[in-house]
Amino acid sequence: MRESKAIGGAARAKALSPEVRSAIAKKAALARWGESLPKATHGSPDKPVRIGDIEIPCYVLPDETRVLSQSGLYAALGISKGGGRGGERKITALMDRIERNGVQIDDLVKRASSTIRFVPPHGGNPADGYEATILPDICSALIKADQKGVLDSRYKYLAERAAILQHGFATLGIIGLVDEATGYQNVRARDALQAFLDRFLRRELAAWVKTFPDEFFEQLFRLKRWRWKGTSRRPGVVGHYINDLIYDRLGPGVLDELQRRNPVDANGRRKAKHFQWLTEDIGNPALAQHMYATIGFMRSHDDWEAFKTHFSRAFPKRGENLSLALDYQSDTKRP
């Protein structure tokens, strides 16, 4: 009876298309591992870290751990993976041999034997990988072993590969390369910006307290050749100058977030002043420091255009650096 069932099962499996069999296998693998494995949030086989002609599939896990695929790491180093845990044993044994020959490699042997199992973003069968920073450390160990003359001649090519890889890490580092390849750098930048804004801006509006000193407006009027009457009635364009000179230079995203939190109404007015949204411990001190630096620049100039040029060189907004540098170069070339 059992034999007939087995034959029947084999016949049914044979009748299935390769695609269906693959889907069933993936479903069975996921059911076997359950939800205990982390599922990568970023990365795919077609977006690897590229160093010259070397490609290493890479991923980012939910806890922000950057992972290099096990097979990709072996291929990058020029180590054949072999079946099962063969590749892992090879690299662990190699690191152990290097350490026993007097090369300081800290806990690299332990790390080489500790792979990370995870589920790729697209799902499917679980994959094995290494925490990304192990690769530069392995490269360093191979290069040091070669320099000390303790690397077997049959492994010399590994040191050569390691030197190529290490040169590729020189600019961005392995974490930067992984983030660039997976697109995680955009998420990281967005999260960092949000953390900055959370420290810089209040969640609730603060009471109004006089923050902009009269001298700021007096100097602005002087540079613009406007008549100063010491009054609070000012031309509407002054608000534009405040945004340009002050808020847009306090930090990335500050002005955009202030305008989002403090929009103009149907009458073109805001319900509060922008500075009422600044935090007491970080936002307000930053505003005060920048305010008095601005006033200092104003005092030292008699012409609005000259002031704006020198001020923007000292306190550039994002995107201004290149154009200002070019302006400066052209200025210095004039007789």
C-alpha atoms as a PDB file:
ATOM      1  CA  MET A   1       0.000   0.000   0.000  1.00  0.00           C
ATOM      2  CA  ARG A   2       2.762   2.446   0.996  1.00  0.00           C
ATOM      3  CA  GLU A   3       4.675   1.578  -2.148  1.00  0.00           C
ATOM      4  CA  SER A   4       1.670   2.338  -4.358  1.00  0.00           C
ATOM      5  CA  LYS A   5       1.167   5.717  -2.616  1.00  0.00           C
ATOM      6  CA  ALA A   6       4.823   6.581  -3.106  1.00  0.00           C
ATOM      7  CA  ILE A   7       4.617   5.650  -6.784  1.00  0.00           C
ATOM      8  CA  GLY A   8       1.448   7.708  -7.139  1.00  0.00           C
ATOM      9  CA  GLY A   9       3.082  10.709  -5.438  1.00  0.00           C
ATOM     10  CA  ALA A  10       6.114  10.486  -7.680  1.00  0.00           C
ATOM     11  CA  ALA A  11       3.884  10.307 -10.735  1.00  0.00           C
ATOM     12  CA  ARG A  12       1.925  13.393  -9.664  1.00  0.00           C
ATOM     13  CA  ALA A  13       5.134  15.316  -8.977  1.00  0.00           C
ATOM     14  CA  LYS A  14       6.480  14.352 -12.389  1.00  0.00           C
ATOM     15  CA  ALA A  15       3.303  15.617 -14.025  1.00  0.00           C
ATOM     16  CA  LEU A  16       3.707  19.085 -12.483  1.00  0.00           C
ATOM     17  CA  SER A  17       5.446  21.859 -14.407  1.00  0.00           C
ATOM     18  CA  PRO A  18       8.866  23.050 -13.145  1.00  0.00           C
ATOM     19  CA  GLU A  19       7.301  26.365 -12.093  1.00  0.00           C
ATOM     20  CA  VAL A  20       4.642  24.667  -9.976  1.00  0.00           C
ATOM     21  CA  ARG A  21       7.193  22.317  -8.392  1.00  0.00           C
ATOM     22  CA  SER A  22       9.395  25.324  -7.542  1.00  0.00           C
ATOM     23  CA  ALA A  23       6.477  27.173  -5.953  1.00  0.00           C
ATOM     24  CA  ILE A  24       5.581  24.127  -3.861  1.00  0.00           C
ATOM     25  CA  ALA A  25       9.194  23.751  -2.720  1.00  0.00           C
ATOM     26  CA  LYS A  26       9.378  27.421  -1.708  1.00  0.00           C
ATOM     27  CA  LYS A  27       6.124  27.159   0.213  1.00  0.00           C
ATOM     28  CA  ALA A  28       7.364  24.048   2.006  1.00  0.00           C
ATOM     29  CA  ALA A  29      10.649  25.738   2.913  1.00  0.00           C
ATOM     30  CA  LEU A  30       8.877  28.762   4.363  1.00  0.00           C
ATOM     31  CA  ALA A  31       6.497  26.527   6.282  1.00  0.00           C
ATOM     32  CA  ARG A  32       9.472  24.610   7.666  1.00  0.00           C
ATOM     33  CA  TRP A  33      11.305  27.722   8.870  1.00  0.00           C
ATOM     34  CA  GLY A  34       8.135  29.557   9.903  1.00  0.00           C
ATOM     35  CA  GLU A  35       8.503  33.235  10.779  1.00  0.00           C
ATOM     36  CA  SER A  36      11.660  32.824  12.822  1.00  0.00           C
ATOM     37  CA  LEU A  37      13.940  34.093  10.061  1.00  0.00           C
ATOM     38  CA  PRO A  38      14.325  37.804   9.305  1.00  0.00           C
ATOM     39  CA  LYS A  39      13.111  38.899   5.887  1.00  0.00           C
ATOM     40  CA  ALA A  40      15.435  41.338   4.135  1.00  0.00           C
ATOM     41  CA  THR A  41      13.886  44.723   3.388  1.00  0.00           C
ATOM     42  CA  HIS A  42      16.277  45.756   0.616  1.00  0.00           C
ATOM     43  CA  GLY A  43      18.431  44.030  -1.979  1.00  0.00           C
ATOM     44  CA  SER A  44      18.097  41.679  -4.933  1.00  0.00           C
ATOM     45  CA  PRO A  45      20.414  39.377  -6.915  1.00  0.00           C
ATOM     46  CA  ASP A  46      20.415  41.788  -9.867  1.00  0.00           C
ATOM     47  CA  LYS A  47      21.658  44.735  -7.754  1.00  0.00           C
ATOM     48  CA  PRO A  48      24.940  43.495  -6.268  1.00  0.00           C
ATOM     49  CA  VAL A  49      27.892  45.375  -4.853  1.00  0.00           C
ATOM     50  CA  ARG A  50      30.231  45.839  -7.814  1.00  0.00           C
ATOM     51  CA  ILE A  51      33.984  46.194  -7.438  1.00  0.00           C
ATOM     52  CA  GLY A  52      35.568  46.044 -10.861  1.00  0.00           C
ATOM     53  CA  ASP A  53      34.256  42.849 -12.404  1.00  0.00           C
ATOM     54  CA  ILE A  54      33.479  41.339  -8.986  1.00  0.00           C
ATOM     55  CA  GLU A  55      29.795  41.200  -8.034  1.00  0.00           C
ATOM     56  CA  ILE A  56      28.479  40.336  -4.557  1.00  0.00           C
ATOM     57  CA  PRO A  57      24.712  40.056  -3.917  1.00  0.00           C
ATOM     58  CA  CYS A  58      23.830  42.048  -0.805  1.00  0.00           C
ATOM     59  CA  TYR A  59      20.840  42.721   1.439  1.00  0.00           C
ATOM     60  CA  VAL A  60      19.680  44.830   4.382  1.00  0.00           C
ATOM     61  CA  LEU A  61      17.780  43.144   7.240  1.00  0.00           C
ATOM     62  CA  PRO A  62      15.025  44.764   9.355  1.00  0.00           C
ATOM     63  CA  ASP A  63      17.520  45.566  12.142  1.00  0.00           C
ATOM     64  CA  GLU A  64      19.713  47.385   9.549  1.00  0.00           C
ATOM     65  CA  THR A  65      22.306  44.594   9.460  1.00  0.00           C
ATOM     66  CA  ARG A  66      23.990  44.613   6.047  1.00  0.00           C
ATOM     67  CA  VAL A  67      24.493  41.107   4.689  1.00  0.00           C
ATOM     68  CA  LEU A  68      26.586  39.730   1.835  1.00  0.00           C
ATOM     69  CA  SER A  69      25.384  36.477   0.316  1.00  0.00           C
ATOM     70  CA  GLN A  70      27.543  33.535   1.297  1.00  0.00           C
ATOM     71  CA  SER A  71      28.098  32.357  -2.262  1.00  0.00           C
ATOM     72  CA  GLY A  72      28.846  35.919  -3.390  1.00  0.00           C
ATOM     73  CA  LEU A  73      31.466  36.387  -0.686  1.00  0.00           C
ATOM     74  CA  TYR A  74      33.203  33.110  -1.602  1.00  0.00           C
ATOM     75  CA  ALA A  75      33.181  34.030  -5.288  1.00  0.00           C
ATOM     76  CA  ALA A  76      34.570  37.496  -4.527  1.00  0.00           C
ATOM     77  CA  LEU A  77      37.476  35.998  -2.597  1.00  0.00           C
ATOM     78  CA  GLY A  78      38.015  33.258  -5.166  1.00  0.00           C
ATOM     79  CA  ILE A  79      37.141  30.412  -2.777  1.00  0.00           C
ATOM     80  CA  SER A  80      35.087  27.527  -4.156  1.00  0.00           C
ATOM     81  CA  LYS A  81      32.001  27.021  -2.043  1.00  0.00           C
ATOM     82  CA  GLY A  82      31.679  23.283  -2.413  1.00  0.00           C
ATOM     83  CA  GLY A  83      28.619  21.411  -1.243  1.00  0.00           C
ATOM     84  CA  GLY A  84      26.749  21.912   2.007  1.00  0.00           C
ATOM     85  CA  ARG A  85      28.877  23.793   4.541  1.00  0.00           C
ATOM     86  CA  GLY A  86      32.079  23.163   2.585  1.00  0.00           C
ATOM     87  CA  GLY A  87      32.768  26.806   1.766  1.00  0.00           C
ATOM     88  CA  GLU A  88      32.119  27.913   5.323  1.00  0.00           C
ATOM     89  CA  ARG A  89      34.525  25.288   6.635  1.00  0.00           C
ATOM     90  CA  LYS A  90      37.168  26.338   4.106  1.00  0.00           C
ATOM     91  CA  ILE A  91      37.149  29.985   5.051  1.00  0.00           C
ATOM     92  CA  THR A  92      36.983  29.215   8.780  1.00  0.00           C
ATOM     93  CA  ALA A  93      39.911  26.792   8.488  1.00  0.00           C
ATOM     94  CA  LEU A  94      41.897  29.359   6.494  1.00  0.00           C
ATOM     95  CA  MET A  95      41.334  32.089   9.095  1.00  0.00           C
ATOM     96  CA  ASP A  96      42.257  29.632  11.854  1.00  0.00           C
ATOM     97  CA  ARG A  97      45.496  28.737  10.063  1.00  0.00           C
ATOM     98  CA  ILE A  98      46.367  32.417   9.618  1.00  0.00           C
ATOM     99  CA  GLU A  99      45.749  33.114  13.311  1.00  0.00           C
ATOM    100  CA  ARG A 100      47.875  30.145  14.408  1.00  0.00           C
ATOM    101  CA  ASN A 101      50.713  31.560  12.306  1.00  0.00           C
ATOM    102  CA  GLY A 102      50.820  34.681  14.455  1.00  0.00           C
ATOM    103  CA  VAL A 103      48.581  37.092  12.519  1.00  0.00           C
ATOM    104  CA  GLN A 104      46.293  39.100  14.808  1.00  0.00           C
ATOM    105  CA  ILE A 105      42.733  38.749  13.483  1.00  0.00           C
ATOM    106  CA  ASP A 106      40.680  39.167  16.690  1.00  0.00           C
ATOM    107  CA  ASP A 107      37.437  37.134  16.529  1.00  0.00           C
ATOM    108  CA  LEU A 108      37.513  36.501  12.783  1.00  0.00           C
ATOM    109  CA  VAL A 109      37.521  32.709  13.134  1.00  0.00           C
ATOM    110  CA  LYS A 110      34.306  32.826  15.147  1.00  0.00           C
ATOM    111  CA  ARG A 111      32.682  35.283  12.753  1.00  0.00           C
ATOM    112  CA  ALA A 112      33.658  33.194   9.730  1.00  0.00           C
ATOM    113  CA  SER A 113      31.841  30.205  11.211  1.00  0.00           C
ATOM    114  CA  SER A 114      28.710  32.233  12.032  1.00  0.00           C
ATOM    115  CA  THR A 115      26.513  32.707   9.004  1.00  0.00           C
ATOM    116  CA  ILE A 116      23.218  34.603   9.003  1.00  0.00           C
ATOM    117  CA  ARG A 117      20.154  32.839   7.604  1.00  0.00           C
ATOM    118  CA  PHE A 118      17.456  35.104   6.205  1.00  0.00           C
ATOM    119  CA  VAL A 119      14.632  35.291   3.673  1.00  0.00           C
ATOM    120  CA  PRO A 120      15.267  37.497   0.600  1.00  0.00           C
ATOM    121  CA  PRO A 121      12.878  40.434  -0.011  1.00  0.00           C
ATOM    122  CA  HIS A 122      11.162  38.568  -2.860  1.00  0.00           C
ATOM    123  CA  GLY A 123      10.526  35.555  -0.620  1.00  0.00           C
ATOM    124  CA  GLY A 124      11.441  32.031  -1.614  1.00  0.00           C
ATOM    125  CA  ASN A 125      13.971  29.742  -0.021  1.00  0.00           C
ATOM    126  CA  PRO A 126      16.034  31.010   2.923  1.00  0.00           C
ATOM    127  CA  ALA A 127      19.537  32.192   2.074  1.00  0.00           C
ATOM    128  CA  ASP A 128      22.800  32.260   3.995  1.00  0.00           C
ATOM    129  CA  GLY A 129      25.033  35.277   4.290  1.00  0.00           C
ATOM    130  CA  TYR A 130      27.673  37.058   6.333  1.00  0.00           C
ATOM    131  CA  GLU A 131      27.524  40.381   8.131  1.00  0.00           C
ATOM    132  CA  ALA A 132      29.041  42.700   5.526  1.00  0.00           C
ATOM    133  CA  THR A 133      31.953  44.065   7.570  1.00  0.00           C
ATOM    134  CA  ILE A 134      33.526  40.614   7.719  1.00  0.00           C
ATOM    135  CA  LEU A 135      34.717  40.938   4.115  1.00  0.00           C
ATOM    136  CA  PRO A 136      37.127  43.879   4.663  1.00  0.00           C
ATOM    137  CA  ASP A 137      38.434  42.089   7.763  1.00  0.00           C
ATOM    138  CA  ILE A 138      39.041  38.862   5.839  1.00  0.00           C
ATOM    139  CA  CYS A 139      40.806  40.859   3.117  1.00  0.00           C
ATOM    140  CA  SER A 140      42.992  42.555   5.721  1.00  0.00           C
ATOM    141  CA  ALA A 141      43.857  39.188   7.293  1.00  0.00           C
ATOM    142  CA  LEU A 142      44.841  37.699   3.925  1.00  0.00           C
ATOM    143  CA  ILE A 143      47.002  40.703   3.012  1.00  0.00           C
ATOM    144  CA  LYS A 144      48.747  40.711   6.417  1.00  0.00           C
ATOM    145  CA  ALA A 145      49.361  36.964   6.190  1.00  0.00           C
ATOM    146  CA  ASP A 146      50.893  37.390   2.739  1.00  0.00           C
ATOM    147  CA  GLN A 147      53.093  40.267   3.933  1.00  0.00           C
ATOM    148  CA  LYS A 148      54.335  38.148   6.861  1.00  0.00           C
ATOM    149  CA  GLY A 149      55.072  35.258   4.513  1.00  0.00           C
ATOM    150  CA  VAL A 150      52.751  32.822   6.302  1.00  0.00           C
ATOM    151  CA  LEU A 151      50.269  32.402   3.443  1.00  0.00           C
ATOM    152  CA  ASP A 152      50.719  29.136   1.535  1.00  0.00           C
ATOM    153  CA  SER A 153      51.787  29.622  -2.076  1.00  0.00           C
ATOM    154  CA  ARG A 154      48.545  27.979  -3.230  1.00  0.00           C
ATOM    155  CA  TYR A 155      46.642  30.814  -1.519  1.00  0.00           C
ATOM    156  CA  LYS A 156      48.672  33.719  -2.947  1.00  0.00           C
ATOM    157  CA  TYR A 157      45.888  34.469  -5.410  1.00  0.00           C
ATOM    158  CA  LEU A 158      43.567  35.092  -2.446  1.00  0.00           C
ATOM    159  CA  ALA A 159      45.784  37.943  -1.251  1.00  0.00           C
ATOM    160  CA  GLU A 160      45.715  39.430  -4.751  1.00  0.00           C
ATOM    161  CA  ARG A 161      41.906  39.279  -4.823  1.00  0.00           C
ATOM    162  CA  ALA A 162      41.811  40.753  -1.324  1.00  0.00           C
ATOM    163  CA  ALA A 163      43.922  43.722  -2.447  1.00  0.00           C
ATOM    164  CA  ILE A 164      41.505  44.426  -5.312  1.00  0.00           C
ATOM    165  CA  LEU A 165      38.531  44.264  -2.969  1.00  0.00           C
ATOM    166  CA  GLN A 166      40.184  46.391  -0.315  1.00  0.00           C
ATOM    167  CA  HIS A 167      40.904  49.089  -2.887  1.00  0.00           C
ATOM    168  CA  GLY A 168      37.207  49.049  -3.770  1.00  0.00           C
ATOM    169  CA  PHE A 169      36.259  49.650  -0.134  1.00  0.00           C
ATOM    170  CA  ALA A 170      38.557  52.662   0.145  1.00  0.00           C
ATOM    171  CA  THR A 171      36.061  55.363  -0.843  1.00  0.00           C
ATOM    172  CA  LEU A 172      32.660  54.389   0.561  1.00  0.00           C
ATOM    173  CA  GLY A 173      33.462  51.398   2.743  1.00  0.00           C
ATOM    174  CA  ILE A 174      31.534  48.139   2.541  1.00  0.00           C
ATOM    175  CA  ILE A 175      28.469  49.539   4.360  1.00  0.00           C
ATOM    176  CA  GLY A 176      28.290  52.457   1.931  1.00  0.00           C
ATOM    177  CA  LEU A 177      28.654  50.105  -1.039  1.00  0.00           C
ATOM    178  CA  VAL A 178      25.838  47.868   0.228  1.00  0.00           C
ATOM    179  CA  ASP A 179      23.564  50.842   0.901  1.00  0.00           C
ATOM    180  CA  GLU A 180      24.273  52.218  -2.569  1.00  0.00           C
ATOM    181  CA  ALA A 181      23.620  48.882  -4.281  1.00  0.00           C
ATOM    182  CA  THR A 182      20.402  48.082  -2.397  1.00  0.00           C
ATOM    183  CA  GLY A 183      18.987  51.618  -2.426  1.00  0.00           C
ATOM    184  CA  TYR A 184      18.984  51.662   1.371  1.00  0.00           C
ATOM    185  CA  GLN A 185      20.996  54.898   1.376  1.00  0.00           C
ATOM    186  CA  ASN A 186      17.779  56.753   0.500  1.00  0.00           C
ATOM    187  CA  VAL A 187      15.985  55.274   3.521  1.00  0.00           C
ATOM    188  CA  ARG A 188      18.972  55.952   5.755  1.00  0.00           C
ATOM    189  CA  ALA A 189      19.159  59.583   4.641  1.00  0.00           C
ATOM    190  CA  ARG A 190      15.414  60.039   5.139  1.00  0.00           C
ATOM    191  CA  ASP A 191      15.543  58.520   8.631  1.00  0.00           C
ATOM    192  CA  ALA A 192      18.544  60.653   9.584  1.00  0.00           C
ATOM    193  CA  LEU A 193      16.762  63.796   8.373  1.00  0.00           C
ATOM    194  CA  GLN A 194      13.636  62.924  10.353  1.00  0.00           C
ATOM    195  CA  ALA A 195      15.689  62.321  13.498  1.00  0.00           C
ATOM    196  CA  PHE A 196      17.350  65.721  13.029  1.00  0.00           C
ATOM    197  CA  LEU A 197      14.012  67.488  12.556  1.00  0.00           C
ATOM    198  CA  ASP A 198      12.547  65.742  15.608  1.00  0.00           C
ATOM    199  CA  ARG A 199      15.338  67.222  17.730  1.00  0.00           C
ATOM    200  CA  PHE A 200      15.189  70.631  16.066  1.00  0.00           C
ATOM    201  CA  LEU A 201      11.427  71.278  15.967  1.00  0.00           C
ATOM    202  CA  ARG A 202       8.696  71.062  18.607  1.00  0.00           C
ATOM    203  CA  ARG A 203       5.673  68.815  18.347  1.00  0.00           C
ATOM    204  CA  GLU A 204       3.478  71.581  19.796  1.00  0.00           C
ATOM    205  CA  LEU A 205       3.521  75.313  19.275  1.00  0.00           C
ATOM    206  CA  ALA A 206       5.302  77.403  21.927  1.00  0.00           C
ATOM    207  CA  ALA A 207       4.178  80.794  23.210  1.00  0.00           C
ATOM    208  CA  TRP A 208       5.399  83.850  21.291  1.00  0.00           C
ATOM    209  CA  VAL A 209       8.548  85.464  22.662  1.00  0.00           C
ATOM    210  CA  LYS A 210      10.431  88.233  20.865  1.00  0.00           C
ATOM    211  CA  THR A 211      13.206  86.410  19.032  1.00  0.00           C
ATOM    212  CA  PHE A 212      14.369  88.522  16.079  1.00  0.00           C
ATOM    213  CA  PRO A 213      16.306  91.548  17.393  1.00  0.00           C
ATOM    214  CA  ASP A 214      15.446  94.943  15.940  1.00  0.00           C
ATOM    215  CA  GLU A 215      18.980  95.283  14.631  1.00  0.00           C
ATOM    216  CA  PHE A 216      18.390  92.466  12.159  1.00  0.00           C
ATOM    217  CA  PHE A 217      15.622  94.459  10.491  1.00  0.00           C
ATOM    218  CA  GLU A 218      17.491  97.744  10.823  1.00  0.00           C
ATOM    219  CA  GLN A 219      20.530  96.297   9.028  1.00  0.00           C
ATOM    220  CA  LEU A 220      18.304  94.712   6.382  1.00  0.00           C
ATOM    221  CA  PHE A 221      16.622  98.064   5.698  1.00  0.00           C
ATOM    222  CA  ARG A 222      20.018  99.792   5.522  1.00  0.00           C
ATOM    223  CA  LEU A 223      21.398  97.307   2.992  1.00  0.00           C
ATOM    224  CA  LYS A 224      18.253  97.516   0.880  1.00  0.00           C
ATOM    225  CA  ARG A 225      18.326 101.340   1.017  1.00  0.00           C
ATOM    226  CA  TRP A 226      14.909 101.432   2.654  1.00  0.00           C
ATOM    227  CA  ARG A 227      13.897 104.079   5.162  1.00  0.00           C
ATOM    228  CA  TRP A 228      13.991 102.662   8.709  1.00  0.00           C
ATOM    229  CA  LYS A 229      11.271 103.900  11.027  1.00  0.00           C
ATOM    230  CA  GLY A 230      11.656 101.319  13.749  1.00  0.00           C
ATOM    231  CA  THR A 231       8.180 100.008  13.024  1.00  0.00           C
ATOM    232  CA  SER A 232       6.802  96.504  12.855  1.00  0.00           C
ATOM    233  CA  ARG A 233       5.101  97.328   9.544  1.00  0.00           C
ATOM    234  CA  ARG A 234       7.503  95.913   6.980  1.00  0.00           C
ATOM    235  CA  PRO A 235       7.310  95.138   3.240  1.00  0.00           C
ATOM    236  CA  GLY A 236       5.983  91.659   2.496  1.00  0.00           C
ATOM    237  CA  VAL A 237       9.245  90.674   0.825  1.00  0.00           C
ATOM    238  CA  VAL A 238      10.953  90.790   4.241  1.00  0.00           C
ATOM    239  CA  GLY A 239       9.400  87.404   4.997  1.00  0.00           C
ATOM    240  CA  HIS A 240      11.137  86.012   1.927  1.00  0.00           C
ATOM    241  CA  TYR A 241      14.482  87.410   3.101  1.00  0.00           C
ATOM    242  CA  ILE A 242      13.980  85.903   6.567  1.00  0.00           C
ATOM    243  CA  ASN A 243      13.352  82.476   5.039  1.00  0.00           C
ATOM    244  CA  ASP A 244      16.326  82.836   2.704  1.00  0.00           C
ATOM    245  CA  LEU A 245      18.874  84.229   5.159  1.00  0.00           C
ATOM    246  CA  ILE A 246      17.786  82.456   8.335  1.00  0.00           C
ATOM    247  CA  TYR A 247      15.491  79.431   8.216  1.00  0.00           C
ATOM    248  CA  ASP A 248      16.750  77.920   4.962  1.00  0.00           C
ATOM    249  CA  ARG A 249      20.298  77.874   6.371  1.00  0.00           C
ATOM    250  CA  LEU A 250      19.587  76.396   9.811  1.00  0.00           C
ATOM    251  CA  GLY A 251      19.773  72.830   8.552  1.00  0.00           C
ATOM    252  CA  PRO A 252      18.531  70.445   5.858  1.00  0.00           C
ATOM    253  CA  GLY A 253      14.759  70.286   5.593  1.00  0.00           C
ATOM    254  CA  VAL A 254      14.093  72.818   8.374  1.00  0.00           C
ATOM    255  CA  LEU A 255      12.345  75.442   6.237  1.00  0.00           C
ATOM    256  CA  ASP A 256      10.322  72.842   4.316  1.00  0.00           C
ATOM    257  CA  GLU A 257       9.115  71.279   7.567  1.00  0.00           C
ATOM    258  CA  LEU A 258       8.306  74.673   9.102  1.00  0.00           C
ATOM    259  CA  GLN A 259       6.230  75.588   6.069  1.00  0.00           C
ATOM    260  CA  ARG A 260       4.428  72.258   6.295  1.00  0.00           C
ATOM    261  CA  ARG A 261       3.637  72.690   9.994  1.00  0.00           C
ATOM    262  CA  ASN A 262       2.935  76.402   9.766  1.00  0.00           C
ATOM    263  CA  PRO A 263       1.192  76.977   6.411  1.00  0.00           C
ATOM    264  CA  VAL A 264      -0.325  80.226   5.170  1.00  0.00           C
ATOM    265  CA  ASP A 265      -4.099  80.565   5.337  1.00  0.00           C
ATOM    266  CA  ALA A 266      -6.505  81.880   2.707  1.00  0.00           C
ATOM    267  CA  ASN A 267      -5.488  85.426   3.614  1.00  0.00           C
ATOM    268  CA  GLY A 268      -1.795  84.717   3.144  1.00  0.00           C
ATOM    269  CA  ARG A 269      -1.057  84.725   6.881  1.00  0.00           C
ATOM    270  CA  ARG A 270       0.389  82.100   9.187  1.00  0.00           C
ATOM    271  CA  LYS A 271      -1.163  81.248  12.536  1.00  0.00           C
ATOM    272  CA  ALA A 272       2.239  81.559  14.247  1.00  0.00           C
ATOM    273  CA  LYS A 273       5.830  82.610  13.715  1.00  0.00           C
ATOM    274  CA  HIS A 274       8.208  79.939  12.456  1.00  0.00           C
ATOM    275  CA  PHE A 275      10.479  80.332  15.478  1.00  0.00           C
ATOM    276  CA  GLN A 276       7.646  79.228  17.791  1.00  0.00           C
ATOM    277  CA  TRP A 277       8.178  75.693  16.452  1.00  0.00           C
ATOM    278  CA  LEU A 278      11.870  75.518  17.393  1.00  0.00           C
ATOM    279  CA  THR A 279      12.909  73.334  20.325  1.00  0.00           C
ATOM    280  CA  GLU A 280      14.290  75.009  23.432  1.00  0.00           C
ATOM    281  CA  ASP A 281      17.493  72.979  23.674  1.00  0.00           C
ATOM    282  CA  ILE A 282      18.571  72.756  20.019  1.00  0.00           C
ATOM    283  CA  GLY A 283      16.399  74.776  17.656  1.00  0.00           C
ATOM    284  CA  ASN A 284      16.398  78.091  19.534  1.00  0.00           C
ATOM    285  CA  PRO A 285      20.162  78.146  20.270  1.00  0.00           C
ATOM    286  CA  ALA A 286      20.880  77.334  16.615  1.00  0.00           C
ATOM    287  CA  LEU A 287      18.621  80.181  15.510  1.00  0.00           C
ATOM    288  CA  ALA A 288      20.231  82.646  17.930  1.00  0.00           C
ATOM    289  CA  GLN A 289      23.752  81.686  16.867  1.00  0.00           C
ATOM    290  CA  HIS A 290      22.941  81.993  13.177  1.00  0.00           C
ATOM    291  CA  MET A 291      21.012  85.228  13.737  1.00  0.00           C
ATOM    292  CA  TYR A 292      23.947  87.035  15.330  1.00  0.00           C
ATOM    293  CA  ALA A 293      26.362  85.698  12.722  1.00  0.00           C
ATOM    294  CA  THR A 294      24.032  87.102  10.066  1.00  0.00           C
ATOM    295  CA  ILE A 295      23.875  90.492  11.780  1.00  0.00           C
ATOM    296  CA  GLY A 296      27.667  90.517  11.973  1.00  0.00           C
ATOM    297  CA  PHE A 297      27.905  89.997   8.206  1.00  0.00           C
ATOM    298  CA  MET A 298      25.336  92.748   7.667  1.00  0.00           C
ATOM    299  CA  ARG A 299      27.314  95.229   9.750  1.00  0.00           C
ATOM    300  CA  SER A 300      30.432  94.671   7.656  1.00  0.00           C
ATOM    301  CA  HIS A 301      28.779  95.464   4.317  1.00  0.00           C
ATOM    302  CA  ASP A 302      27.289  98.544   2.691  1.00  0.00           C
ATOM    303  CA  ASP A 303      25.952  96.886  -0.433  1.00  0.00           C
ATOM    304  CA  TRP A 304      23.163  94.277  -0.550  1.00  0.00           C
ATOM    305  CA  GLU A 305      24.546  92.257  -3.458  1.00  0.00           C
ATOM    306  CA  ALA A 306      28.050  92.085  -1.984  1.00  0.00           C
ATOM    307  CA  PHE A 307      26.575  91.042   1.352  1.00  0.00           C
ATOM    308  CA  LYS A 308      24.500  88.266  -0.251  1.00  0.00           C
ATOM    309  CA  THR A 309      27.496  86.925  -2.167  1.00  0.00           C
ATOM    310  CA  HIS A 310      29.828  86.767   0.843  1.00  0.00           C
ATOM    311  CA  PHE A 311      27.087  85.565   3.182  1.00  0.00           C
ATOM    312  CA  SER A 312      26.142  82.700   0.873  1.00  0.00           C
ATOM    313  CA  ARG A 313      29.765  81.619   0.634  1.00  0.00           C
ATOM    314  CA  ALA A 314      29.973  81.472   4.418  1.00  0.00           C
ATOM    315  CA  PHE A 315      26.544  79.875   4.937  1.00  0.00           C
ATOM    316  CA  PRO A 316      25.621  78.041   1.728  1.00  0.00           C
ATOM    317  CA  LYS A 317      22.290  76.380   1.253  1.00  0.00           C
ATOM    318  CA  ARG A 318      22.195  72.875  -0.176  1.00  0.00           C
ATOM    319  CA  GLY A 319      23.052  73.013  -3.876  1.00  0.00           C
ATOM    320  CA  GLU A 320      24.761  76.402  -3.681  1.00  0.00           C
ATOM    321  CA  ASN A 321      28.272  75.129  -3.032  1.00  0.00           C
ATOM    322  CA  LEU A 322      29.200  74.356  -6.647  1.00  0.00           C
ATOM    323  CA  SER A 323      27.832  77.559  -8.173  1.00  0.00           C
ATOM    324  CA  LEU A 324      29.445  79.657  -5.452  1.00  0.00           C
ATOM    325  CA  ALA A 325      32.785  77.946  -5.958  1.00  0.00           C
ATOM    326  CA  LEU A 326      32.585  78.630  -9.692  1.00  0.00           C
ATOM    327  CA  ASP A 327      31.681  82.267  -9.034  1.00  0.00           C
ATOM    328  CA  TYR A 328      34.644  82.566  -6.690  1.00  0.00           C
ATOM    329  CA  GLN A 329      37.019  81.041  -9.242  1.00  0.00           C
ATOM    330  CA  SER A 330      35.828  83.452 -11.931  1.00  0.00           C
ATOM    331  CA  ASP A 331      36.187  86.381  -9.510  1.00  0.00           C
ATOM    332  CA  THR A 332      39.794  85.492  -8.741  1.00  0.00           C
ATOM    333  CA  LYS A 333      40.679  85.335 -12.445  1.00  0.00           C
ATOM    334  CA  ARG A 334      39.545  88.884 -13.102  1.00  0.00           C
ATOM    335  CA  PRO A 335      42.358  91.499 -13.324  1.00  0.00           C
END
